[in-house]
Amino acid sequence: MGGKRRMVHMKRRPQCEYKLPPKEKCIFNAIRACARVSPWLRTPEERAKITPDSHPLSGHCFVATHAAYHLIGNRHNLVPHVCKLAGGGTHWWLWNRDTNKCLDATFEQTCQPFPYDQGKPCFWYIRRHKRPWRDKRTSELIHLVKERLKHQPA
């Protein structure tokens, strides 16, 4: 019985996690930490779905993935992917086509593994006249991440 529980727990983590160099891993962890404590970065629709039992990263997959793309993705050939979820909504993550590995900033928001194999490449559908082509929530998360990294010891 104990062995089965361990296997179920291991299935919660994505089997396809992309390994980052130390500097980018620090940026990735800062994105996750800032998103976790920033509920105002969720859209009103996402906020309406949150319950007291929801994981702190629930509803942050788009904004966290978008921030990771701008801060990390360009240097590592990471492409944004999205899939529609059975219960409604979507899930976003970054995928490296060369290694077939994913980088999912919010993977722990559910007990079930996400269907990464059902994802499709999808670039951001925000208005393109904004430079550097990111939405207000992503810009705010990137600002929070940069401020956090300024105060971390080197």
C-alpha atoms as a PDB file:
ATOM      1  CA  MET A   1       0.000   0.000   0.000  1.00  0.00           C
ATOM      2  CA  GLY A   2       2.783   2.469   0.878  1.00  0.00           C
ATOM      3  CA  GLY A   3       4.473   1.829  -2.477  1.00  0.00           C
ATOM      4  CA  LYS A   4       1.311   2.747  -4.380  1.00  0.00           C
ATOM      5  CA  ARG A   5       1.003   6.059  -2.575  1.00  0.00           C
ATOM      6  CA  ARG A   6       4.566   6.931  -3.469  1.00  0.00           C
ATOM      7  CA  MET A   7       3.875   6.209  -7.156  1.00  0.00           C
ATOM      8  CA  VAL A   8       0.722   8.370  -7.119  1.00  0.00           C
ATOM      9  CA  HIS A   9       2.704  11.233  -5.569  1.00  0.00           C
ATOM     10  CA  MET A  10       5.416  10.918  -8.210  1.00  0.00           C
ATOM     11  CA  LYS A  11       2.801  11.190 -10.970  1.00  0.00           C
ATOM     12  CA  ARG A  12       1.926  14.682  -9.765  1.00  0.00           C
ATOM     13  CA  ARG A  13       5.203  16.053 -11.104  1.00  0.00           C
ATOM     14  CA  PRO A  14       5.557  16.436 -14.842  1.00  0.00           C
ATOM     15  CA  GLN A  15       7.652  13.719 -16.382  1.00  0.00           C
ATOM     16  CA  CYS A  16       8.928  16.199 -18.943  1.00  0.00           C
ATOM     17  CA  GLU A  17      10.527  18.926 -16.819  1.00  0.00           C
ATOM     18  CA  TYR A  18      13.107  20.934 -18.764  1.00  0.00           C
ATOM     19  CA  LYS A  19      16.335  21.389 -16.802  1.00  0.00           C
ATOM     20  CA  LEU A  20      17.488  24.993 -16.558  1.00  0.00           C
ATOM     21  CA  PRO A  21      20.981  26.351 -15.865  1.00  0.00           C
ATOM     22  CA  PRO A  22      21.370  27.840 -12.335  1.00  0.00           C
ATOM     23  CA  LYS A  23      20.778  31.505 -13.333  1.00  0.00           C
ATOM     24  CA  GLU A  24      17.575  30.701 -15.234  1.00  0.00           C
ATOM     25  CA  LYS A  25      16.442  28.305 -12.484  1.00  0.00           C
ATOM     26  CA  CYS A  26      16.709  31.228 -10.047  1.00  0.00           C
ATOM     27  CA  ILE A  27      14.552  33.379 -12.378  1.00  0.00           C
ATOM     28  CA  PHE A  28      12.040  30.533 -12.789  1.00  0.00           C
ATOM     29  CA  ASN A  29      11.777  30.061  -9.011  1.00  0.00           C
ATOM     30  CA  ALA A  30      11.278  33.823  -8.571  1.00  0.00           C
ATOM     31  CA  ILE A  31       8.420  33.742 -11.114  1.00  0.00           C
ATOM     32  CA  ARG A  32       6.755  30.931  -9.158  1.00  0.00           C
ATOM     33  CA  ALA A  33       7.286  32.674  -5.807  1.00  0.00           C
ATOM     34  CA  CYS A  34       5.929  36.027  -7.019  1.00  0.00           C
ATOM     35  CA  ALA A  35       2.895  34.468  -8.716  1.00  0.00           C
ATOM     36  CA  ARG A  36       2.129  32.455  -5.569  1.00  0.00           C
ATOM     37  CA  VAL A  37       1.713  35.626  -3.472  1.00  0.00           C
ATOM     38  CA  SER A  38       0.071  37.823  -6.133  1.00  0.00           C
ATOM     39  CA  PRO A  39      -3.618  36.868  -6.410  1.00  0.00           C
ATOM     40  CA  TRP A  40      -4.405  40.195  -8.141  1.00  0.00           C
ATOM     41  CA  LEU A  41      -2.557  38.908 -11.238  1.00  0.00           C
ATOM     42  CA  ARG A  42      -5.482  36.571 -11.974  1.00  0.00           C
ATOM     43  CA  THR A  43      -8.203  37.701 -14.360  1.00  0.00           C
ATOM     44  CA  PRO A  44     -11.676  38.282 -12.876  1.00  0.00           C
ATOM     45  CA  GLU A  45     -12.794  34.982 -14.479  1.00  0.00           C
ATOM     46  CA  GLU A  46      -9.915  33.125 -12.837  1.00  0.00           C
ATOM     47  CA  ARG A  47     -10.614  34.775  -9.465  1.00  0.00           C
ATOM     48  CA  ALA A  48     -14.245  33.608  -9.642  1.00  0.00           C
ATOM     49  CA  LYS A  49     -13.093  29.966  -9.915  1.00  0.00           C
ATOM     50  CA  ILE A  50     -10.804  30.122  -6.852  1.00  0.00           C
ATOM     51  CA  THR A  51     -11.979  28.363  -3.699  1.00  0.00           C
ATOM     52  CA  PRO A  52     -10.386  28.213  -0.227  1.00  0.00           C
ATOM     53  CA  ASP A  53      -8.954  24.799  -1.234  1.00  0.00           C
ATOM     54  CA  SER A  54      -7.358  26.083  -4.454  1.00  0.00           C
ATOM     55  CA  HIS A  55      -3.599  25.943  -4.823  1.00  0.00           C
ATOM     56  CA  PRO A  56      -1.926  29.418  -4.650  1.00  0.00           C
ATOM     57  CA  LEU A  57      -0.703  28.996  -8.253  1.00  0.00           C
ATOM     58  CA  SER A  58      -4.166  28.170  -9.626  1.00  0.00           C
ATOM     59  CA  GLY A  59      -5.170  30.633 -12.297  1.00  0.00           C
ATOM     60  CA  HIS A  60      -1.605  31.853 -12.870  1.00  0.00           C
ATOM     61  CA  CYS A  61      -0.511  29.523 -15.684  1.00  0.00           C
ATOM     62  CA  PHE A  62      -0.899  32.073 -18.511  1.00  0.00           C
ATOM     63  CA  VAL A  63       0.794  34.976 -16.755  1.00  0.00           C
ATOM     64  CA  ALA A  64       3.583  32.818 -15.243  1.00  0.00           C
ATOM     65  CA  THR A  65       4.244  31.105 -18.581  1.00  0.00           C
ATOM     66  CA  HIS A  66       4.223  34.433 -20.415  1.00  0.00           C
ATOM     67  CA  ALA A  67       6.716  35.916 -17.925  1.00  0.00           C
ATOM     68  CA  ALA A  68       8.942  32.820 -18.176  1.00  0.00           C
ATOM     69  CA  TYR A  69       8.889  33.109 -21.958  1.00  0.00           C
ATOM     70  CA  HIS A  70      10.090  36.720 -21.837  1.00  0.00           C
ATOM     71  CA  LEU A  71      12.696  36.157 -19.115  1.00  0.00           C
ATOM     72  CA  ILE A  72      13.966  32.672 -20.051  1.00  0.00           C
ATOM     73  CA  GLY A  73      12.296  31.175 -23.100  1.00  0.00           C
ATOM     74  CA  ASN A  74      13.964  33.099 -25.885  1.00  0.00           C
ATOM     75  CA  ARG A  75      17.395  31.819 -24.833  1.00  0.00           C
ATOM     76  CA  HIS A  76      16.323  28.181 -24.558  1.00  0.00           C
ATOM     77  CA  ASN A  77      14.178  27.634 -27.657  1.00  0.00           C
ATOM     78  CA  LEU A  78      11.053  27.334 -25.500  1.00  0.00           C
ATOM     79  CA  VAL A  79       7.705  27.686 -27.263  1.00  0.00           C
ATOM     80  CA  PRO A  80       4.413  28.462 -25.481  1.00  0.00           C
ATOM     81  CA  HIS A  81       1.872  25.640 -25.562  1.00  0.00           C
ATOM     82  CA  VAL A  82      -1.761  25.510 -24.489  1.00  0.00           C
ATOM     83  CA  CYS A  83      -4.386  22.816 -24.063  1.00  0.00           C
ATOM     84  CA  LYS A  84      -8.081  23.009 -23.330  1.00  0.00           C
ATOM     85  CA  LEU A  85      -9.080  21.278 -20.113  1.00  0.00           C
ATOM     86  CA  ALA A  86     -12.020  18.900 -19.806  1.00  0.00           C
ATOM     87  CA  GLY A  87     -13.682  20.979 -17.067  1.00  0.00           C
ATOM     88  CA  GLY A  88     -13.294  24.193 -19.045  1.00  0.00           C
ATOM     89  CA  GLY A  89     -10.465  26.647 -19.201  1.00  0.00           C
ATOM     90  CA  THR A  90      -6.949  26.192 -20.510  1.00  0.00           C
ATOM     91  CA  HIS A  91      -3.474  25.396 -19.257  1.00  0.00           C
ATOM     92  CA  TRP A  92      -0.255  27.032 -20.498  1.00  0.00           C
ATOM     93  CA  TRP A  93       3.406  25.932 -20.341  1.00  0.00           C
ATOM     94  CA  LEU A  94       6.630  26.202 -22.332  1.00  0.00           C
ATOM     95  CA  TRP A  95       7.936  23.348 -24.493  1.00  0.00           C
ATOM     96  CA  ASN A  96      11.429  22.780 -25.885  1.00  0.00           C
ATOM     97  CA  ARG A  97      11.078  21.160 -29.295  1.00  0.00           C
ATOM     98  CA  ASP A  98      14.722  20.038 -29.364  1.00  0.00           C
ATOM     99  CA  THR A  99      14.555  18.030 -26.129  1.00  0.00           C
ATOM    100  CA  ASN A 100      10.777  17.378 -25.962  1.00  0.00           C
ATOM    101  CA  LYS A 101      10.766  18.650 -22.383  1.00  0.00           C
ATOM    102  CA  CYS A 102       8.375  21.124 -20.781  1.00  0.00           C
ATOM    103  CA  LEU A 103       8.783  23.962 -18.337  1.00  0.00           C
ATOM    104  CA  ASP A 104       5.558  24.413 -16.388  1.00  0.00           C
ATOM    105  CA  ALA A 105       5.571  27.160 -13.765  1.00  0.00           C
ATOM    106  CA  THR A 106       2.262  26.024 -12.220  1.00  0.00           C
ATOM    107  CA  PHE A 107       2.384  22.218 -12.548  1.00  0.00           C
ATOM    108  CA  GLU A 108       1.540  21.631  -8.881  1.00  0.00           C
ATOM    109  CA  GLN A 109      -1.852  23.360  -8.977  1.00  0.00           C
ATOM    110  CA  THR A 110      -3.655  20.039  -9.477  1.00  0.00           C
ATOM    111  CA  CYS A 111      -3.268  16.463  -8.279  1.00  0.00           C
ATOM    112  CA  GLN A 112      -3.626  15.099 -11.807  1.00  0.00           C
ATOM    113  CA  PRO A 113      -0.903  15.445 -14.408  1.00  0.00           C
ATOM    114  CA  PHE A 114      -1.720  17.817 -17.226  1.00  0.00           C
ATOM    115  CA  PRO A 115      -2.161  16.297 -20.690  1.00  0.00           C
ATOM    116  CA  TYR A 116       1.009  17.834 -22.133  1.00  0.00           C
ATOM    117  CA  ASP A 117       0.746  15.553 -25.162  1.00  0.00           C
ATOM    118  CA  GLN A 118      -2.524  17.289 -26.115  1.00  0.00           C
ATOM    119  CA  GLY A 119      -0.987  20.771 -26.111  1.00  0.00           C
ATOM    120  CA  LYS A 120      -0.591  22.870 -29.200  1.00  0.00           C
ATOM    121  CA  PRO A 121       1.921  25.624 -29.928  1.00  0.00           C
ATOM    122  CA  CYS A 122       0.217  28.950 -29.414  1.00  0.00           C
ATOM    123  CA  PHE A 123       1.791  32.358 -29.388  1.00  0.00           C
ATOM    124  CA  TRP A 124       0.330  35.116 -27.311  1.00  0.00           C
ATOM    125  CA  TYR A 125      -2.988  36.507 -28.442  1.00  0.00           C
ATOM    126  CA  ILE A 126      -2.549  39.933 -26.901  1.00  0.00           C
ATOM    127  CA  ARG A 127      -2.596  43.143 -28.903  1.00  0.00           C
ATOM    128  CA  ARG A 128       0.602  43.308 -30.925  1.00  0.00           C
ATOM    129  CA  HIS A 129       0.950  47.094 -30.940  1.00  0.00           C
ATOM    130  CA  LYS A 130       2.201  47.019 -27.359  1.00  0.00           C
ATOM    131  CA  ARG A 131       5.944  46.727 -26.993  1.00  0.00           C
ATOM    132  CA  PRO A 132       7.503  44.405 -25.937  1.00  0.00           C
ATOM    133  CA  TRP A 133       4.271  42.543 -26.702  1.00  0.00           C
ATOM    134  CA  ARG A 134       3.116  41.463 -23.288  1.00  0.00           C
ATOM    135  CA  ASP A 135       0.005  42.197 -21.318  1.00  0.00           C
ATOM    136  CA  LYS A 136      -0.270  44.333 -18.176  1.00  0.00           C
ATOM    137  CA  ARG A 137      -0.390  41.356 -15.791  1.00  0.00           C
ATOM    138  CA  THR A 138       2.740  39.834 -17.327  1.00  0.00           C
ATOM    139  CA  SER A 139       4.556  43.175 -17.167  1.00  0.00           C
ATOM    140  CA  GLU A 140       3.642  43.476 -13.491  1.00  0.00           C
ATOM    141  CA  LEU A 141       4.847  39.937 -12.718  1.00  0.00           C
ATOM    142  CA  ILE A 142       8.124  40.582 -14.572  1.00  0.00           C
ATOM    143  CA  HIS A 143       8.586  43.767 -12.506  1.00  0.00           C
ATOM    144  CA  LEU A 144       7.972  41.828  -9.262  1.00  0.00           C
ATOM    145  CA  VAL A 145      10.458  39.132 -10.337  1.00  0.00           C
ATOM    146  CA  LYS A 146      13.154  41.681 -11.194  1.00  0.00           C
ATOM    147  CA  GLU A 147      12.654  43.437  -7.842  1.00  0.00           C
ATOM    148  CA  ARG A 148      12.883  40.104  -6.008  1.00  0.00           C
ATOM    149  CA  LEU A 149      16.067  39.154  -7.861  1.00  0.00           C
ATOM    150  CA  LYS A 150      17.668  42.548  -7.040  1.00  0.00           C
ATOM    151  CA  HIS A 151      17.382  41.770  -3.342  1.00  0.00           C
ATOM    152  CA  GLN A 152      18.655  38.196  -3.528  1.00  0.00           C
ATOM    153  CA  PRO A 153      22.273  37.525  -2.660  1.00  0.00           C
ATOM    154  CA  ALA A 154      24.370  36.735  -5.745  1.00  0.00           C
END
